[in-house]
Protein backbone atom coordinates (compact mmCIF):
# COMPACT_ATOMS: atom_id res chain seq x y z
CA MET A 1 -23.56 13.44 10.74
CA SER A 2 -24.07 16.68 12.41
CA SER A 3 -22.35 19.85 11.18
CA GLU A 4 -20.46 20.15 14.62
CA LYS A 5 -19.07 16.60 14.26
CA ALA A 6 -18.11 17.20 10.53
CA GLY A 7 -16.28 20.39 11.67
CA ASN A 8 -14.50 18.64 14.40
CA MET A 9 -13.30 15.97 11.81
CA ALA A 10 -12.30 18.73 9.32
CA SER A 11 -10.23 20.49 11.98
CA GLU A 12 -8.55 17.13 12.92
CA LYS A 13 -7.38 17.01 9.29
CA ILE A 14 -9.18 13.78 8.36
CA THR A 15 -11.62 13.97 5.26
CA LEU A 16 -14.29 11.44 4.87
CA SER A 17 -16.80 11.81 2.14
CA GLY A 18 -19.35 9.97 0.15
CA LEU A 19 -21.42 6.84 1.01
CA ALA A 20 -18.55 4.78 2.52
CA GLY A 21 -17.62 7.78 4.80
CA ARG A 22 -21.11 8.20 5.99
CA TYR A 23 -21.42 4.49 7.00
CA ALA A 24 -17.89 4.57 8.60
CA VAL A 25 -18.71 7.55 10.76
CA ALA A 26 -22.01 5.96 11.86
CA LEU A 27 -20.42 2.85 12.99
CA PHE A 28 -17.38 4.57 14.52
CA GLU A 29 -19.53 6.94 16.48
CA LEU A 30 -21.78 4.08 17.75
CA ALA A 31 -18.73 2.24 18.83
CA VAL A 32 -17.32 5.10 20.62
CA GLU A 33 -20.69 5.86 22.27
CA GLN A 34 -21.13 2.44 23.54
CA LYS A 35 -17.46 2.20 24.64
CA ARG A 36 -16.77 -0.75 22.40
CA LEU A 37 -14.32 0.73 19.87
CA ASP A 38 -11.48 -1.76 20.34
CA SER A 39 -13.77 -4.80 20.02
CA VAL A 40 -15.76 -3.39 17.14
CA ALA A 41 -12.42 -2.54 15.49
CA ASP A 42 -11.35 -6.11 15.82
CA GLU A 43 -14.48 -7.33 14.29
CA VAL A 44 -14.37 -5.08 11.35
CA SER A 45 -10.72 -6.18 10.84
CA ALA A 46 -11.96 -9.77 10.83
CA LEU A 47 -14.75 -8.86 8.33
CA ALA A 48 -12.10 -7.33 6.01
CA THR A 49 -10.18 -10.61 6.09
CA LEU A 50 -13.22 -12.57 5.30
CA LEU A 51 -14.01 -10.23 2.48
CA LYS A 52 -10.41 -10.56 1.07
CA GLU A 53 -10.18 -14.41 1.55
CA CYS A 54 -13.73 -15.79 0.96
CA GLU A 55 -14.78 -15.97 -2.73
CA GLU A 56 -18.27 -16.80 -1.81
CA LEU A 57 -18.54 -13.64 0.40
CA LYS A 58 -17.14 -11.60 -2.51
CA VAL A 59 -19.73 -12.74 -4.90
CA ILE A 60 -22.58 -12.21 -2.19
CA THR A 61 -21.45 -8.72 -1.63
CA THR A 62 -20.77 -7.71 -5.07
CA SER A 63 -23.15 -9.40 -7.42
CA PRO A 64 -26.16 -7.30 -8.34
CA ILE A 65 -28.17 -10.30 -9.26
CA ILE A 66 -28.43 -11.80 -5.77
CA SER A 67 -31.70 -10.86 -4.20
CA ARG A 68 -31.78 -8.84 -1.10
CA ALA A 69 -33.38 -11.70 0.86
CA ASN A 70 -30.71 -14.10 -0.24
CA GLN A 71 -27.96 -11.49 0.65
CA ALA A 72 -29.66 -10.84 4.06
CA ALA A 73 -29.76 -14.52 4.77
CA ALA A 74 -26.19 -15.24 3.86
CA MET A 75 -24.95 -12.21 5.84
CA ALA A 76 -26.89 -13.07 8.81
CA LYS A 77 -25.31 -16.69 8.66
CA MET A 78 -21.84 -15.17 8.31
CA VAL A 79 -22.41 -12.85 11.26
CA GLU A 80 -23.65 -15.79 13.35
CA VAL A 81 -20.60 -17.97 12.36
CA ALA A 82 -18.17 -15.37 13.00
CA GLY A 83 -19.75 -14.38 16.31
CA PHE A 84 -19.94 -10.75 15.75
CA SER A 85 -21.44 -8.34 18.39
CA LYS A 86 -24.95 -6.83 18.05
CA ILE A 87 -23.30 -3.53 16.88
CA VAL A 88 -21.63 -5.11 13.87
CA GLU A 89 -24.42 -7.38 13.26
CA ASN A 90 -26.90 -4.35 13.18
CA PHE A 91 -24.32 -2.41 10.90
CA ILE A 92 -24.14 -5.29 8.45
CA GLY A 93 -27.82 -5.60 8.56
CA VAL A 94 -28.28 -1.97 7.60
CA VAL A 95 -25.69 -2.12 4.86
CA THR A 96 -27.43 -5.18 3.41
CA ALA A 97 -30.86 -3.86 3.68
CA ASN A 98 -29.89 -0.60 1.91
CA ARG A 99 -28.20 -2.72 -0.81
CA ARG A 100 -24.80 -1.22 -0.15
CA LEU A 101 -22.80 -4.55 0.40
CA ASP A 102 -20.79 -3.61 -2.71
CA GLN A 103 -19.43 -0.72 -0.61
CA LEU A 104 -18.45 -2.77 2.42
CA ALA A 105 -14.82 -3.00 1.60
CA ASN A 106 -14.69 0.86 1.11
CA ILE A 107 -16.70 1.40 4.43
CA ILE A 108 -14.25 -0.81 6.26
CA HIS A 109 -11.41 1.17 4.73
CA GLU A 110 -12.86 4.47 5.80
CA PHE A 111 -13.51 3.05 9.27
CA GLY A 112 -9.81 2.07 9.52
CA ARG A 113 -8.68 5.50 8.45
CA MET A 114 -10.88 6.94 11.36
CA LEU A 115 -9.61 4.56 13.82
CA SER A 116 -5.94 5.21 13.04
CA HIS A 117 -6.53 8.87 13.10
CA HIS A 118 -8.36 8.41 16.46
CA ARG A 119 -5.42 6.43 17.74
CA GLY A 120 -2.78 9.00 16.45
CA GLU A 121 -1.50 6.67 13.80
CA VAL A 122 -0.60 7.45 10.13
CA ASN A 123 -1.47 5.31 7.24
CA ALA A 124 1.02 4.43 4.55
CA SER A 125 0.75 2.77 1.31
CA VAL A 126 3.71 0.82 0.19
CA THR A 127 4.16 -0.70 -3.29
CA THR A 128 7.15 -2.93 -3.95
CA ALA A 129 8.34 -5.00 -6.85
CA TYR A 130 8.39 -8.13 -4.66
CA LYS A 131 6.86 -9.18 -1.36
CA LEU A 132 8.73 -7.96 1.64
CA ASP A 133 9.57 -10.28 4.50
CA LYS A 134 8.83 -9.51 8.21
CA LYS A 135 12.43 -8.05 8.88
CA GLN A 136 12.11 -5.70 5.88
CA LEU A 137 8.58 -4.63 6.96
CA ASP A 138 9.76 -3.97 10.45
CA ALA A 139 12.63 -1.97 9.11
CA LEU A 140 10.48 0.06 6.78
CA SER A 141 7.90 0.65 9.54
CA ALA A 142 10.56 1.88 11.91
CA LYS A 143 11.96 4.28 9.21
CA LEU A 144 8.59 5.66 8.50
CA LYS A 145 7.80 6.14 12.08
CA SER A 146 11.02 8.13 12.63
CA MET A 147 10.10 10.17 9.50
CA VAL A 148 6.49 11.05 10.49
CA GLY A 149 6.93 11.00 14.33
CA SER A 150 4.02 8.59 15.00
CA ASP A 151 3.07 4.94 14.57
CA VAL A 152 2.50 3.94 11.00
CA ASN A 153 -0.14 1.46 9.62
CA MET A 154 1.31 -0.08 6.41
CA GLU A 155 -0.68 -1.50 3.68
CA THR A 156 1.42 -3.32 1.16
CA GLU A 157 0.94 -4.17 -2.42
CA VAL A 158 3.16 -5.94 -4.94
CA ASP A 159 3.63 -4.54 -8.57
CA GLU A 160 6.25 -6.45 -10.51
CA GLU A 161 6.26 -3.73 -13.10
CA LEU A 162 8.39 -1.50 -10.75
CA LEU A 163 11.18 -3.89 -11.35
CA GLY A 164 12.89 -2.86 -8.05
CA GLY A 165 12.61 -0.28 -5.28
CA MET A 166 9.33 0.91 -3.94
CA ILE A 167 6.66 3.57 -3.89
CA VAL A 168 5.63 4.91 -0.50
CA ARG A 169 2.57 7.21 0.02
CA VAL A 170 2.02 8.78 3.44
CA GLY A 171 -0.79 11.18 3.44
CA SER A 172 -0.33 13.50 0.50
CA ARG A 173 3.32 12.58 0.23
CA MET A 174 4.81 10.09 -2.25
CA ILE A 175 8.27 8.86 -2.33
CA ASP A 176 8.92 6.99 -5.62
CA SER A 177 12.16 5.24 -5.57
CA SER A 178 11.21 2.35 -8.02
CA LEU A 179 13.55 1.39 -10.66
CA LYS A 180 10.85 1.90 -13.24
CA THR A 181 10.60 5.52 -12.52
CA LYS A 182 14.39 5.88 -12.33
CA LEU A 183 14.62 4.43 -15.80
CA ALA A 184 11.89 6.57 -17.20
CA ASN A 185 13.49 9.65 -15.75
CA LEU A 186 16.89 8.55 -17.30
CA GLU A 187 15.24 7.86 -20.61
CA ALA A 188 13.64 11.40 -20.52
CA THR A 189 17.07 12.98 -19.58
CA MET A 190 18.74 11.19 -22.52
CA LYS A 191 16.00 12.44 -24.92
CA GLU A 192 16.77 15.93 -23.85
CA VAL A 193 20.46 15.67 -24.45
CA GLY A 194 20.20 13.81 -27.74
């Protein structure tokens, strides 16, 4: 990445670093250059879904004992079946050839951050004690949008240890309204009194 582009990204308040950031920047810039950002974003999203849902693909991308040739053959077949474009095919080929498939999920995550930033969206991480339904997710999304002033992409996670409530992270801000934290704070206050 050129120092000029790195400077532009820093001034736009998005920070990408490390191996995953470098690959994500390369894919993002190529997609923009070829005016294929939306279609590449859709394909990267489909790839993320495949990585989450397909156990065989998880093994292929994370196992250090699978040879480079076998990884390349498996990934080429996956690209063919999925019908990915030449841009995404070449990207996966480079990641595979460089033995970086174990970083694929991180690269996809960083690409998503760049895409959201490019579109003026904000990413939020929401952890709840139980899975939220569509109505609850929509209400939370609307509330977050009103708080931050722009569209919000939410990643949700369930952590039953929270007991109730939720933890919301938007950028560097965190709102912890979990029952677990409230009980811990109450316990600490009671210890101070007693």
